[in-house]
């Protein structure tokens, strides 16, 4: 369990760094932006539950909490997979909007004559 939570932390940090360093398209950025924080929360709660279990804290180390943690993590993965399925459609819409913007007249960019 500790190894799994450590992997979650590493993945969260790597996604965070990837978002800061790499310039990516807005739909992908919108998809990836909330993931690091949520993965960090899941990892830290999982580590706390394991530490409570190792320290024999009776009420804080109940298996019921691990079950709730696992179910909520699986539920988050299901919701994330649904968002990932919608990504190609969102990317296509974004690219068509960007293509259309190239050919539209923008009055803000009009040069003023003296």
N, C-alpha and C. Protein backbone atom coordinates (compact mmCIF):
# COMPACT_ATOMS: atom_id res chain seq x y z
N UNK A 1 0.83 -1.19 0.00
CA UNK A 1 0.00 0.00 0.00
C UNK A 1 0.88 1.26 0.00
N UNK A 2 1.96 1.23 0.78
CA UNK A 2 2.86 2.38 0.80
C UNK A 2 3.53 2.60 -0.56
N UNK A 3 3.88 1.52 -1.22
CA UNK A 3 4.50 1.63 -2.55
C UNK A 3 3.50 2.23 -3.54
N UNK A 4 2.25 1.78 -3.48
CA UNK A 4 1.22 2.30 -4.36
C UNK A 4 1.02 3.80 -4.13
N UNK A 5 0.96 4.21 -2.86
CA UNK A 5 0.79 5.63 -2.56
C UNK A 5 2.01 6.44 -2.98
N UNK A 6 3.19 5.86 -2.85
CA UNK A 6 4.40 6.53 -3.33
C UNK A 6 4.37 6.72 -4.84
N UNK A 7 3.91 5.71 -5.55
CA UNK A 7 3.77 5.83 -7.01
C UNK A 7 2.77 6.92 -7.37
N UNK A 8 1.67 7.01 -6.61
CA UNK A 8 0.69 8.08 -6.85
C UNK A 8 1.32 9.45 -6.67
N UNK A 9 2.13 9.60 -5.64
CA UNK A 9 2.81 10.88 -5.43
C UNK A 9 3.77 11.21 -6.56
N UNK A 10 4.52 10.22 -7.01
CA UNK A 10 5.46 10.44 -8.11
C UNK A 10 4.73 10.83 -9.39
N UNK A 11 3.61 10.16 -9.68
CA UNK A 11 2.82 10.49 -10.87
C UNK A 11 2.25 11.90 -10.76
N UNK A 12 1.76 12.27 -9.57
CA UNK A 12 1.21 13.60 -9.37
C UNK A 12 2.27 14.68 -9.59
N UNK A 13 3.45 14.47 -9.04
CA UNK A 13 4.52 15.45 -9.20
C UNK A 13 4.97 15.54 -10.66
N UNK A 14 5.05 14.41 -11.33
CA UNK A 14 5.48 14.43 -12.73
C UNK A 14 4.45 15.13 -13.62
N UNK A 15 3.17 14.92 -13.37
CA UNK A 15 2.13 15.63 -14.15
C UNK A 15 2.21 17.12 -13.88
N UNK A 16 2.41 17.49 -12.62
CA UNK A 16 2.52 18.91 -12.26
C UNK A 16 3.70 19.56 -12.98
N UNK A 17 4.84 18.90 -12.97
CA UNK A 17 6.03 19.43 -13.65
C UNK A 17 5.80 19.49 -15.16
N UNK A 18 5.16 18.47 -15.72
CA UNK A 18 4.86 18.44 -17.15
C UNK A 18 3.99 19.62 -17.55
N UNK A 19 2.99 19.94 -16.72
CA UNK A 19 2.11 21.07 -17.03
C UNK A 19 2.85 22.40 -16.95
N UNK A 20 3.85 22.51 -16.08
CA UNK A 20 4.60 23.75 -15.95
C UNK A 20 5.62 23.94 -17.06
N UNK A 21 6.25 22.86 -17.49
CA UNK A 21 7.34 22.96 -18.46
C UNK A 21 6.83 22.96 -19.89
N UNK A 22 5.98 22.05 -20.22
CA UNK A 22 5.54 21.84 -21.61
C UNK A 22 4.35 22.73 -21.93
N UNK A 23 4.38 23.31 -23.11
CA UNK A 23 3.21 24.07 -23.59
C UNK A 23 2.30 23.08 -24.31
N UNK A 24 1.08 22.96 -23.79
CA UNK A 24 0.13 21.99 -24.36
C UNK A 24 -1.16 22.72 -24.72
N UNK A 25 -1.98 22.04 -25.50
CA UNK A 25 -3.23 22.65 -25.94
C UNK A 25 -4.21 22.78 -24.77
N UNK A 26 -5.11 23.78 -24.83
CA UNK A 26 -6.02 24.05 -23.72
C UNK A 26 -6.93 22.88 -23.31
N UNK A 27 -7.48 22.08 -24.24
CA UNK A 27 -8.31 20.96 -23.77
C UNK A 27 -7.52 19.95 -22.93
N UNK A 28 -6.29 19.66 -23.32
CA UNK A 28 -5.47 18.73 -22.54
C UNK A 28 -5.09 19.35 -21.20
N UNK A 29 -4.81 20.64 -21.20
CA UNK A 29 -4.47 21.33 -19.97
C UNK A 29 -5.66 21.33 -19.01
N UNK A 30 -6.85 21.52 -19.56
CA UNK A 30 -8.07 21.50 -18.75
C UNK A 30 -8.30 20.11 -18.16
N UNK A 31 -7.94 19.08 -18.92
CA UNK A 31 -8.10 17.71 -18.45
C UNK A 31 -7.08 17.36 -17.38
N UNK A 32 -5.84 17.80 -17.54
CA UNK A 32 -4.76 17.40 -16.64
C UNK A 32 -4.61 18.29 -15.40
N UNK A 33 -5.13 19.50 -15.43
CA UNK A 33 -4.90 20.44 -14.33
C UNK A 33 -5.36 19.92 -12.96
N UNK A 34 -6.55 19.35 -12.78
CA UNK A 34 -6.96 18.93 -11.43
C UNK A 34 -6.36 17.59 -10.97
N UNK A 35 -5.72 16.85 -11.85
CA UNK A 35 -5.27 15.50 -11.51
C UNK A 35 -4.18 15.49 -10.44
N UNK A 36 -3.12 16.33 -10.51
CA UNK A 36 -2.07 16.21 -9.49
C UNK A 36 -2.55 16.43 -8.06
N UNK A 37 -3.40 17.41 -7.85
CA UNK A 37 -3.88 17.67 -6.50
C UNK A 37 -4.69 16.49 -5.97
N UNK A 38 -5.54 15.95 -6.80
CA UNK A 38 -6.37 14.83 -6.35
C UNK A 38 -5.54 13.58 -6.09
N UNK A 39 -4.55 13.33 -6.94
CA UNK A 39 -3.68 12.18 -6.70
C UNK A 39 -2.88 12.36 -5.41
N UNK A 40 -2.42 13.58 -5.15
CA UNK A 40 -1.69 13.83 -3.92
C UNK A 40 -2.57 13.60 -2.70
N UNK A 41 -3.82 14.03 -2.77
CA UNK A 41 -4.74 13.83 -1.65
C UNK A 41 -4.96 12.34 -1.42
N UNK A 42 -5.22 11.59 -2.50
CA UNK A 42 -5.41 10.15 -2.35
C UNK A 42 -4.17 9.49 -1.77
N UNK A 43 -2.98 9.90 -2.23
CA UNK A 43 -1.74 9.30 -1.74
C UNK A 43 -1.52 9.62 -0.26
N UNK A 44 -1.71 10.86 0.12
CA UNK A 44 -1.47 11.24 1.51
C UNK A 44 -2.48 10.59 2.46
N UNK A 45 -3.73 10.51 2.05
CA UNK A 45 -4.72 9.83 2.89
C UNK A 45 -4.39 8.34 2.99
N UNK A 46 -3.97 7.74 1.91
CA UNK A 46 -3.57 6.33 1.95
C UNK A 46 -2.38 6.10 2.86
N UNK A 47 -1.39 6.98 2.80
CA UNK A 47 -0.23 6.86 3.67
C UNK A 47 -0.63 7.03 5.14
N UNK A 48 -1.53 8.00 5.40
CA UNK A 48 -2.01 8.18 6.77
C UNK A 48 -2.75 6.95 7.28
N UNK A 49 -3.57 6.35 6.45
CA UNK A 49 -4.29 5.15 6.87
C UNK A 49 -3.34 4.00 7.18
N UNK A 50 -2.29 3.85 6.37
CA UNK A 50 -1.31 2.80 6.63
C UNK A 50 -0.54 3.09 7.91
N UNK A 51 -0.16 4.35 8.12
CA UNK A 51 0.56 4.70 9.35
C UNK A 51 -0.32 4.50 10.59
N UNK A 52 -1.61 4.83 10.48
CA UNK A 52 -2.51 4.56 11.60
C UNK A 52 -2.59 3.06 11.89
N UNK A 53 -2.58 2.28 10.82
CA UNK A 53 -2.64 0.83 10.98
C UNK A 53 -1.37 0.31 11.65
N UNK A 54 -0.21 0.83 11.27
CA UNK A 54 1.05 0.40 11.86
C UNK A 54 1.19 0.84 13.31
N UNK A 55 0.61 1.99 13.65
CA UNK A 55 0.71 2.48 15.03
C UNK A 55 -0.39 1.93 15.92
N UNK A 56 -1.24 1.09 15.39
CA UNK A 56 -2.33 0.42 16.13
C UNK A 56 -3.31 1.43 16.74
N UNK A 57 -3.62 2.46 16.01
CA UNK A 57 -4.68 3.39 16.42
C UNK A 57 -6.00 2.72 16.07
N UNK A 58 -6.73 2.31 17.07
CA UNK A 58 -7.86 1.40 16.87
C UNK A 58 -8.95 1.96 15.96
N UNK A 59 -9.41 3.14 16.23
CA UNK A 59 -10.53 3.66 15.45
C UNK A 59 -10.09 4.28 14.13
N UNK A 60 -8.87 4.75 14.07
CA UNK A 60 -8.39 5.38 12.85
C UNK A 60 -7.84 4.37 11.84
N UNK A 61 -7.60 3.14 12.28
CA UNK A 61 -7.01 2.16 11.38
C UNK A 61 -8.01 1.07 10.96
N UNK A 62 -9.27 1.39 11.01
CA UNK A 62 -10.28 0.39 10.63
C UNK A 62 -10.19 0.06 9.14
N UNK A 63 -10.43 -1.16 8.83
CA UNK A 63 -10.42 -1.59 7.42
C UNK A 63 -11.52 -0.91 6.63
N UNK A 64 -12.57 -0.50 7.33
CA UNK A 64 -13.67 0.20 6.69
C UNK A 64 -13.18 1.48 6.00
N UNK A 65 -12.24 2.21 6.65
CA UNK A 65 -11.70 3.42 6.04
C UNK A 65 -10.89 3.09 4.80
N UNK A 66 -10.14 2.00 4.84
CA UNK A 66 -9.41 1.57 3.64
C UNK A 66 -10.36 1.19 2.51
N UNK A 67 -11.47 0.57 2.88
CA UNK A 67 -12.47 0.21 1.88
C UNK A 67 -13.08 1.46 1.25
N UNK A 68 -13.43 2.43 2.07
CA UNK A 68 -13.98 3.69 1.56
C UNK A 68 -12.95 4.39 0.67
N UNK A 69 -11.68 4.41 1.11
CA UNK A 69 -10.61 5.02 0.32
C UNK A 69 -10.48 4.33 -1.03
N UNK A 70 -10.48 3.01 -1.04
CA UNK A 70 -10.35 2.26 -2.30
C UNK A 70 -11.52 2.48 -3.24
N UNK A 71 -12.72 2.47 -2.70
CA UNK A 71 -13.91 2.69 -3.53
C UNK A 71 -13.91 4.10 -4.12
N UNK A 72 -13.55 5.09 -3.30
CA UNK A 72 -13.52 6.46 -3.81
C UNK A 72 -12.42 6.64 -4.86
N UNK A 73 -11.28 5.95 -4.71
CA UNK A 73 -10.22 6.04 -5.71
C UNK A 73 -10.66 5.40 -7.02
N UNK A 74 -11.32 4.27 -6.94
CA UNK A 74 -11.82 3.61 -8.16
C UNK A 74 -12.88 4.50 -8.82
N UNK A 75 -13.74 5.12 -8.01
CA UNK A 75 -14.76 6.01 -8.56
C UNK A 75 -14.11 7.20 -9.28
N UNK A 76 -13.03 7.74 -8.70
CA UNK A 76 -12.32 8.84 -9.35
C UNK A 76 -11.71 8.38 -10.67
N UNK A 77 -11.16 7.18 -10.71
CA UNK A 77 -10.58 6.67 -11.95
C UNK A 77 -11.66 6.48 -13.02
N UNK A 78 -12.85 6.06 -12.63
CA UNK A 78 -13.95 5.91 -13.59
C UNK A 78 -14.34 7.27 -14.16
N UNK A 79 -14.47 8.26 -13.29
CA UNK A 79 -14.82 9.61 -13.77
C UNK A 79 -13.73 10.19 -14.67
N UNK A 80 -12.48 9.92 -14.32
CA UNK A 80 -11.36 10.39 -15.14
C UNK A 80 -11.35 9.70 -16.50
N UNK A 81 -11.67 8.43 -16.54
CA UNK A 81 -11.71 7.73 -17.82
C UNK A 81 -12.82 8.26 -18.72
N UNK A 82 -13.94 8.68 -18.11
CA UNK A 82 -15.01 9.28 -18.92
C UNK A 82 -14.55 10.60 -19.52
N UNK A 83 -13.80 11.39 -18.74
CA UNK A 83 -13.28 12.65 -19.28
C UNK A 83 -12.26 12.41 -20.38
N UNK A 84 -11.45 11.38 -20.23
CA UNK A 84 -10.44 11.06 -21.24
C UNK A 84 -11.10 10.62 -22.54
N UNK A 85 -12.22 9.92 -22.44
CA UNK A 85 -12.94 9.51 -23.65
C UNK A 85 -13.46 10.71 -24.42
N UNK A 86 -13.80 11.78 -23.73
CA UNK A 86 -14.33 12.98 -24.39
C UNK A 86 -13.22 13.87 -24.96
N UNK A 87 -11.97 13.59 -24.62
CA UNK A 87 -10.86 14.45 -25.04
C UNK A 87 -10.72 14.57 -26.56
N UNK A 88 -10.78 13.48 -27.36
CA UNK A 88 -10.63 13.66 -28.81
C UNK A 88 -11.69 14.59 -29.41
N UNK A 89 -12.90 14.51 -28.91
CA UNK A 89 -13.96 15.38 -29.41
C UNK A 89 -13.67 16.84 -29.03
N UNK A 90 -13.22 17.07 -27.80
CA UNK A 90 -12.90 18.42 -27.37
C UNK A 90 -11.72 18.99 -28.15
N UNK A 91 -10.74 18.15 -28.42
CA UNK A 91 -9.58 18.60 -29.20
C UNK A 91 -10.00 18.98 -30.62
N UNK A 92 -10.87 18.18 -31.21
CA UNK A 92 -11.33 18.47 -32.57
C UNK A 92 -12.09 19.80 -32.60
N UNK A 93 -12.95 20.04 -31.60
CA UNK A 93 -13.68 21.30 -31.53
C UNK A 93 -12.73 22.48 -31.35
N UNK A 94 -11.72 22.31 -30.51
CA UNK A 94 -10.74 23.37 -30.29
C UNK A 94 -9.98 23.69 -31.56
N UNK A 95 -9.56 22.66 -32.29
CA UNK A 95 -8.81 22.89 -33.53
C UNK A 95 -9.66 23.56 -34.59
N UNK A 96 -10.93 23.20 -34.69
CA UNK A 96 -11.80 23.86 -35.66
C UNK A 96 -12.02 25.33 -35.29
N UNK A 97 -12.14 25.62 -33.99
CA UNK A 97 -12.29 27.02 -33.57
C UNK A 97 -11.03 27.81 -33.87
N UNK A 98 -9.87 27.23 -33.63
CA UNK A 98 -8.61 27.90 -33.92
C UNK A 98 -8.45 28.14 -35.42
N UNK A 99 -8.85 27.18 -36.22
CA UNK A 99 -8.77 27.33 -37.68
C UNK A 99 -9.72 28.43 -38.15
N UNK A 100 -10.90 28.50 -37.53
CA UNK A 100 -11.86 29.53 -37.92
C UNK A 100 -11.38 30.92 -37.50
N UNK A 101 -10.66 31.01 -36.39
CA UNK A 101 -10.17 32.31 -35.92
C UNK A 101 -9.14 32.91 -36.87
N UNK A 102 -8.44 32.07 -37.59
CA UNK A 102 -7.43 32.57 -38.52
C UNK A 102 -8.04 33.45 -39.60
N UNK A 103 -9.24 33.09 -40.02
CA UNK A 103 -9.84 33.75 -41.17
C UNK A 103 -10.89 34.79 -40.78
N UNK A 104 -11.12 35.00 -39.51
CA UNK A 104 -12.09 36.00 -39.08
C UNK A 104 -11.41 37.36 -38.95
N UNK A 105 -12.18 38.40 -39.23
CA UNK A 105 -11.68 39.76 -39.09
C UNK A 105 -11.82 40.18 -37.63
N UNK A 106 -10.75 40.66 -37.05
CA UNK A 106 -10.76 41.09 -35.66
C UNK A 106 -10.63 42.61 -35.62
N UNK A 107 -11.69 43.32 -35.23
CA UNK A 107 -11.61 44.79 -35.23
C UNK A 107 -10.63 45.34 -34.21
N UNK A 108 -10.26 44.59 -33.20
CA UNK A 108 -9.30 45.06 -32.20
C UNK A 108 -7.90 45.22 -32.80
N UNK A 109 -7.59 44.41 -33.77
CA UNK A 109 -6.26 44.46 -34.39
C UNK A 109 -6.17 45.45 -35.54
N UNK A 110 -7.25 46.16 -35.82
CA UNK A 110 -7.27 47.10 -36.92
C UNK A 110 -6.38 48.31 -36.58
N UNK A 111 -5.52 48.66 -37.52
CA UNK A 111 -4.63 49.80 -37.31
C UNK A 111 -5.39 51.08 -37.57
N UNK A 112 -5.14 52.06 -36.72
CA UNK A 112 -5.81 53.35 -36.87
C UNK A 112 -5.02 54.22 -37.82
N UNK A 113 -5.74 54.91 -38.68
CA UNK A 113 -5.10 55.83 -39.63
C UNK A 113 -4.98 57.20 -38.99
N UNK A 114 -3.90 57.89 -39.30
CA UNK A 114 -3.69 59.23 -38.76
C UNK A 114 -4.09 60.28 -39.74
